[in-house]
Amino acid sequence: MRYYTQLIASATGVTDPAVLDELEEIMREDIFHSTLSWQTEAQLRAAASEALVICKAVSEIEQTAEDGALTRH
């Protein structure tokens, strides 16, 4: 396992490789808007937890949309 993958798994408890990849992507694109190499371990752990919250929220929104509960105004 790569360093960032191990750190994200440790910080979040996630074990699914696809979800770990998604969390890393969220950290790069949405939280830091940059590479991860210049972050401290504490910043990376906090960002991993934040990415998990974002991932769960997006998943819930997508599920709600699939269920037809979201409508456009």
N, C-alpha and C. Protein backbone atom coordinates (compact mmCIF):
# COMPACT_ATOMS: atom_id res chain seq x y z
N MET A 1 0.85 -1.18 0.00
CA MET A 1 0.00 0.00 0.00
C MET A 1 0.89 1.25 0.00
N ARG A 2 0.50 2.23 -0.79
CA ARG A 2 1.26 3.47 -0.84
C ARG A 2 1.11 4.24 0.47
N TYR A 3 2.04 5.16 0.71
CA TYR A 3 2.05 5.95 1.95
C TYR A 3 0.72 6.66 2.18
N TYR A 4 0.24 7.39 1.18
CA TYR A 4 -1.00 8.15 1.36
C TYR A 4 -2.19 7.23 1.59
N THR A 5 -2.22 6.12 0.88
CA THR A 5 -3.30 5.16 1.06
C THR A 5 -3.30 4.61 2.48
N GLN A 6 -2.13 4.26 2.99
CA GLN A 6 -2.02 3.76 4.36
C GLN A 6 -2.46 4.82 5.37
N LEU A 7 -2.02 6.05 5.16
CA LEU A 7 -2.38 7.12 6.07
C LEU A 7 -3.88 7.37 6.07
N ILE A 8 -4.49 7.41 4.89
CA ILE A 8 -5.93 7.63 4.77
C ILE A 8 -6.70 6.50 5.44
N ALA A 9 -6.27 5.27 5.20
CA ALA A 9 -6.92 4.12 5.82
C ALA A 9 -6.81 4.19 7.34
N SER A 10 -5.66 4.54 7.83
CA SER A 10 -5.44 4.65 9.27
C SER A 10 -6.30 5.76 9.89
N ALA A 11 -6.40 6.87 9.19
CA ALA A 11 -7.14 8.02 9.72
C ALA A 11 -8.65 7.84 9.66
N THR A 12 -9.12 7.04 8.71
CA THR A 12 -10.57 6.93 8.49
C THR A 12 -11.16 5.57 8.83
N GLY A 13 -10.34 4.55 8.86
CA GLY A 13 -10.85 3.19 9.07
C GLY A 13 -11.37 2.55 7.80
N VAL A 14 -11.28 3.23 6.68
CA VAL A 14 -11.73 2.71 5.39
C VAL A 14 -10.73 1.67 4.89
N THR A 15 -11.24 0.58 4.33
CA THR A 15 -10.36 -0.46 3.79
C THR A 15 -10.58 -0.70 2.29
N ASP A 16 -11.69 -0.26 1.75
CA ASP A 16 -12.02 -0.47 0.34
C ASP A 16 -11.07 0.36 -0.53
N PRO A 17 -10.28 -0.30 -1.39
CA PRO A 17 -9.32 0.42 -2.21
C PRO A 17 -9.95 1.51 -3.10
N ALA A 18 -11.12 1.26 -3.63
CA ALA A 18 -11.78 2.25 -4.49
C ALA A 18 -12.15 3.49 -3.68
N VAL A 19 -12.63 3.29 -2.48
CA VAL A 19 -13.00 4.43 -1.63
C VAL A 19 -11.75 5.18 -1.19
N LEU A 20 -10.69 4.46 -0.88
CA LEU A 20 -9.43 5.10 -0.50
C LEU A 20 -8.92 5.98 -1.64
N ASP A 21 -9.00 5.49 -2.87
CA ASP A 21 -8.60 6.28 -4.02
C ASP A 21 -9.47 7.53 -4.14
N GLU A 22 -10.76 7.37 -3.92
CA GLU A 22 -11.67 8.51 -4.00
C GLU A 22 -11.36 9.55 -2.92
N LEU A 23 -11.06 9.09 -1.72
CA LEU A 23 -10.72 10.01 -0.64
C LEU A 23 -9.44 10.78 -0.96
N GLU A 24 -8.45 10.08 -1.51
CA GLU A 24 -7.21 10.75 -1.89
C GLU A 24 -7.48 11.81 -2.96
N GLU A 25 -8.31 11.48 -3.91
CA GLU A 25 -8.68 12.43 -4.97
C GLU A 25 -9.37 13.66 -4.38
N ILE A 26 -10.28 13.46 -3.45
CA ILE A 26 -10.97 14.58 -2.80
C ILE A 26 -9.96 15.45 -2.05
N MET A 27 -9.02 14.81 -1.38
CA MET A 27 -8.00 15.57 -0.66
C MET A 27 -7.19 16.44 -1.62
N ARG A 28 -6.79 15.87 -2.74
CA ARG A 28 -5.98 16.62 -3.72
C ARG A 28 -6.78 17.74 -4.40
N GLU A 29 -7.97 17.40 -4.85
CA GLU A 29 -8.74 18.31 -5.70
C GLU A 29 -9.61 19.30 -4.94
N ASP A 30 -10.22 18.86 -3.85
CA ASP A 30 -11.22 19.69 -3.18
C ASP A 30 -10.76 20.30 -1.87
N ILE A 31 -9.86 19.65 -1.18
CA ILE A 31 -9.42 20.18 0.11
C ILE A 31 -8.17 21.02 -0.03
N PHE A 32 -7.12 20.46 -0.62
CA PHE A 32 -5.86 21.19 -0.74
C PHE A 32 -5.69 21.89 -2.08
N HIS A 33 -6.41 21.48 -3.10
CA HIS A 33 -6.24 22.04 -4.45
C HIS A 33 -4.78 21.98 -4.89
N SER A 34 -4.13 20.89 -4.52
CA SER A 34 -2.70 20.78 -4.79
C SER A 34 -2.26 19.34 -4.54
N THR A 35 -0.96 19.15 -4.63
CA THR A 35 -0.39 17.86 -4.28
C THR A 35 -0.43 17.69 -2.77
N LEU A 36 -0.21 16.49 -2.31
CA LEU A 36 -0.25 16.23 -0.88
C LEU A 36 1.13 16.30 -0.22
N SER A 37 2.17 16.35 -1.02
CA SER A 37 3.53 16.20 -0.50
C SER A 37 3.98 17.31 0.44
N TRP A 38 3.38 18.46 0.40
CA TRP A 38 3.82 19.56 1.26
C TRP A 38 3.01 19.67 2.55
N GLN A 39 2.08 18.74 2.78
CA GLN A 39 1.26 18.74 3.98
C GLN A 39 1.93 17.95 5.11
N THR A 40 1.68 18.38 6.34
CA THR A 40 2.17 17.60 7.48
C THR A 40 1.28 16.38 7.66
N GLU A 41 1.76 15.42 8.43
CA GLU A 41 0.95 14.23 8.68
C GLU A 41 -0.36 14.60 9.38
N ALA A 42 -0.30 15.54 10.31
CA ALA A 42 -1.52 15.97 11.01
C ALA A 42 -2.51 16.58 10.04
N GLN A 43 -2.03 17.39 9.10
CA GLN A 43 -2.91 18.00 8.09
C GLN A 43 -3.51 16.92 7.19
N LEU A 44 -2.71 15.94 6.82
CA LEU A 44 -3.20 14.86 5.96
C LEU A 44 -4.27 14.04 6.69
N ARG A 45 -4.06 13.75 7.96
CA ARG A 45 -5.05 12.98 8.72
C ARG A 45 -6.36 13.75 8.86
N ALA A 46 -6.26 15.03 9.14
CA ALA A 46 -7.47 15.86 9.25
C ALA A 46 -8.19 15.92 7.91
N ALA A 47 -7.43 16.07 6.83
CA ALA A 47 -8.02 16.13 5.50
C ALA A 47 -8.67 14.81 5.11
N ALA A 48 -8.08 13.70 5.52
CA ALA A 48 -8.66 12.39 5.24
C ALA A 48 -10.03 12.27 5.90
N SER A 49 -10.12 12.71 7.14
CA SER A 49 -11.41 12.69 7.84
C SER A 49 -12.42 13.60 7.17
N GLU A 50 -11.97 14.77 6.75
CA GLU A 50 -12.85 15.71 6.04
C GLU A 50 -13.29 15.13 4.71
N ALA A 51 -12.38 14.48 4.01
CA ALA A 51 -12.71 13.87 2.72
C ALA A 51 -13.75 12.78 2.89
N LEU A 52 -13.68 12.03 3.99
CA LEU A 52 -14.67 10.99 4.24
C LEU A 52 -16.05 11.60 4.45
N VAL A 53 -16.12 12.71 5.17
CA VAL A 53 -17.40 13.40 5.37
C VAL A 53 -17.96 13.86 4.02
N ILE A 54 -17.11 14.43 3.18
CA ILE A 54 -17.53 14.89 1.86
C ILE A 54 -18.01 13.71 1.02
N CYS A 55 -17.26 12.63 1.04
CA CYS A 55 -17.61 11.44 0.26
C CYS A 55 -18.97 10.89 0.68
N LYS A 56 -19.20 10.81 1.99
CA LYS A 56 -20.49 10.31 2.48
C LYS A 56 -21.63 11.25 2.09
N ALA A 57 -21.39 12.55 2.16
CA ALA A 57 -22.44 13.52 1.80
C ALA A 57 -22.78 13.41 0.32
N VAL A 58 -21.78 13.31 -0.52
CA VAL A 58 -22.01 13.17 -1.96
C VAL A 58 -22.77 11.88 -2.24
N SER A 59 -22.39 10.81 -1.58
CA SER A 59 -23.06 9.53 -1.76
C SER A 59 -24.53 9.62 -1.36
N GLU A 60 -24.81 10.29 -0.25
CA GLU A 60 -26.20 10.46 0.18
C GLU A 60 -27.00 11.29 -0.81
N ILE A 61 -26.39 12.34 -1.33
CA ILE A 61 -27.07 13.18 -2.33
C ILE A 61 -27.36 12.37 -3.59
N GLU A 62 -26.37 11.60 -4.04
CA GLU A 62 -26.56 10.78 -5.23
C GLU A 62 -27.67 9.75 -5.01
N GLN A 63 -27.70 9.15 -3.83
CA GLN A 63 -28.72 8.16 -3.54
C GLN A 63 -30.10 8.80 -3.52
N THR A 64 -30.20 9.98 -2.93
CA THR A 64 -31.47 10.71 -2.89
C THR A 64 -31.93 11.05 -4.30
N ALA A 65 -31.00 11.45 -5.13
CA ALA A 65 -31.34 11.77 -6.52
C ALA A 65 -31.82 10.53 -7.26
N GLU A 66 -31.16 9.41 -7.03
CA GLU A 66 -31.57 8.16 -7.67
C GLU A 66 -32.95 7.72 -7.22
N ASP A 67 -33.27 8.01 -5.97
CA ASP A 67 -34.58 7.65 -5.43
C ASP A 67 -35.68 8.60 -5.91
N GLY A 68 -35.29 9.65 -6.63
CA GLY A 68 -36.26 10.58 -7.17
C GLY A 68 -36.74 11.62 -6.19
N ALA A 69 -36.04 11.74 -5.07
CA ALA A 69 -36.48 12.70 -4.05
C ALA A 69 -35.98 14.12 -4.32
N LEU A 70 -35.04 14.28 -5.21
CA LEU A 70 -34.56 15.62 -5.54
C LEU A 70 -35.27 16.12 -6.78
N THR A 71 -35.73 17.32 -6.73
CA THR A 71 -36.37 17.94 -7.89
C THR A 71 -35.74 19.28 -8.14
N ARG A 72 -35.79 19.72 -9.36
CA ARG A 72 -35.26 21.05 -9.69
C ARG A 72 -36.35 22.07 -9.58
N HIS A 73 -35.99 23.24 -9.16
CA HIS A 73 -36.94 24.34 -9.05
C HIS A 73 -36.75 25.32 -10.16
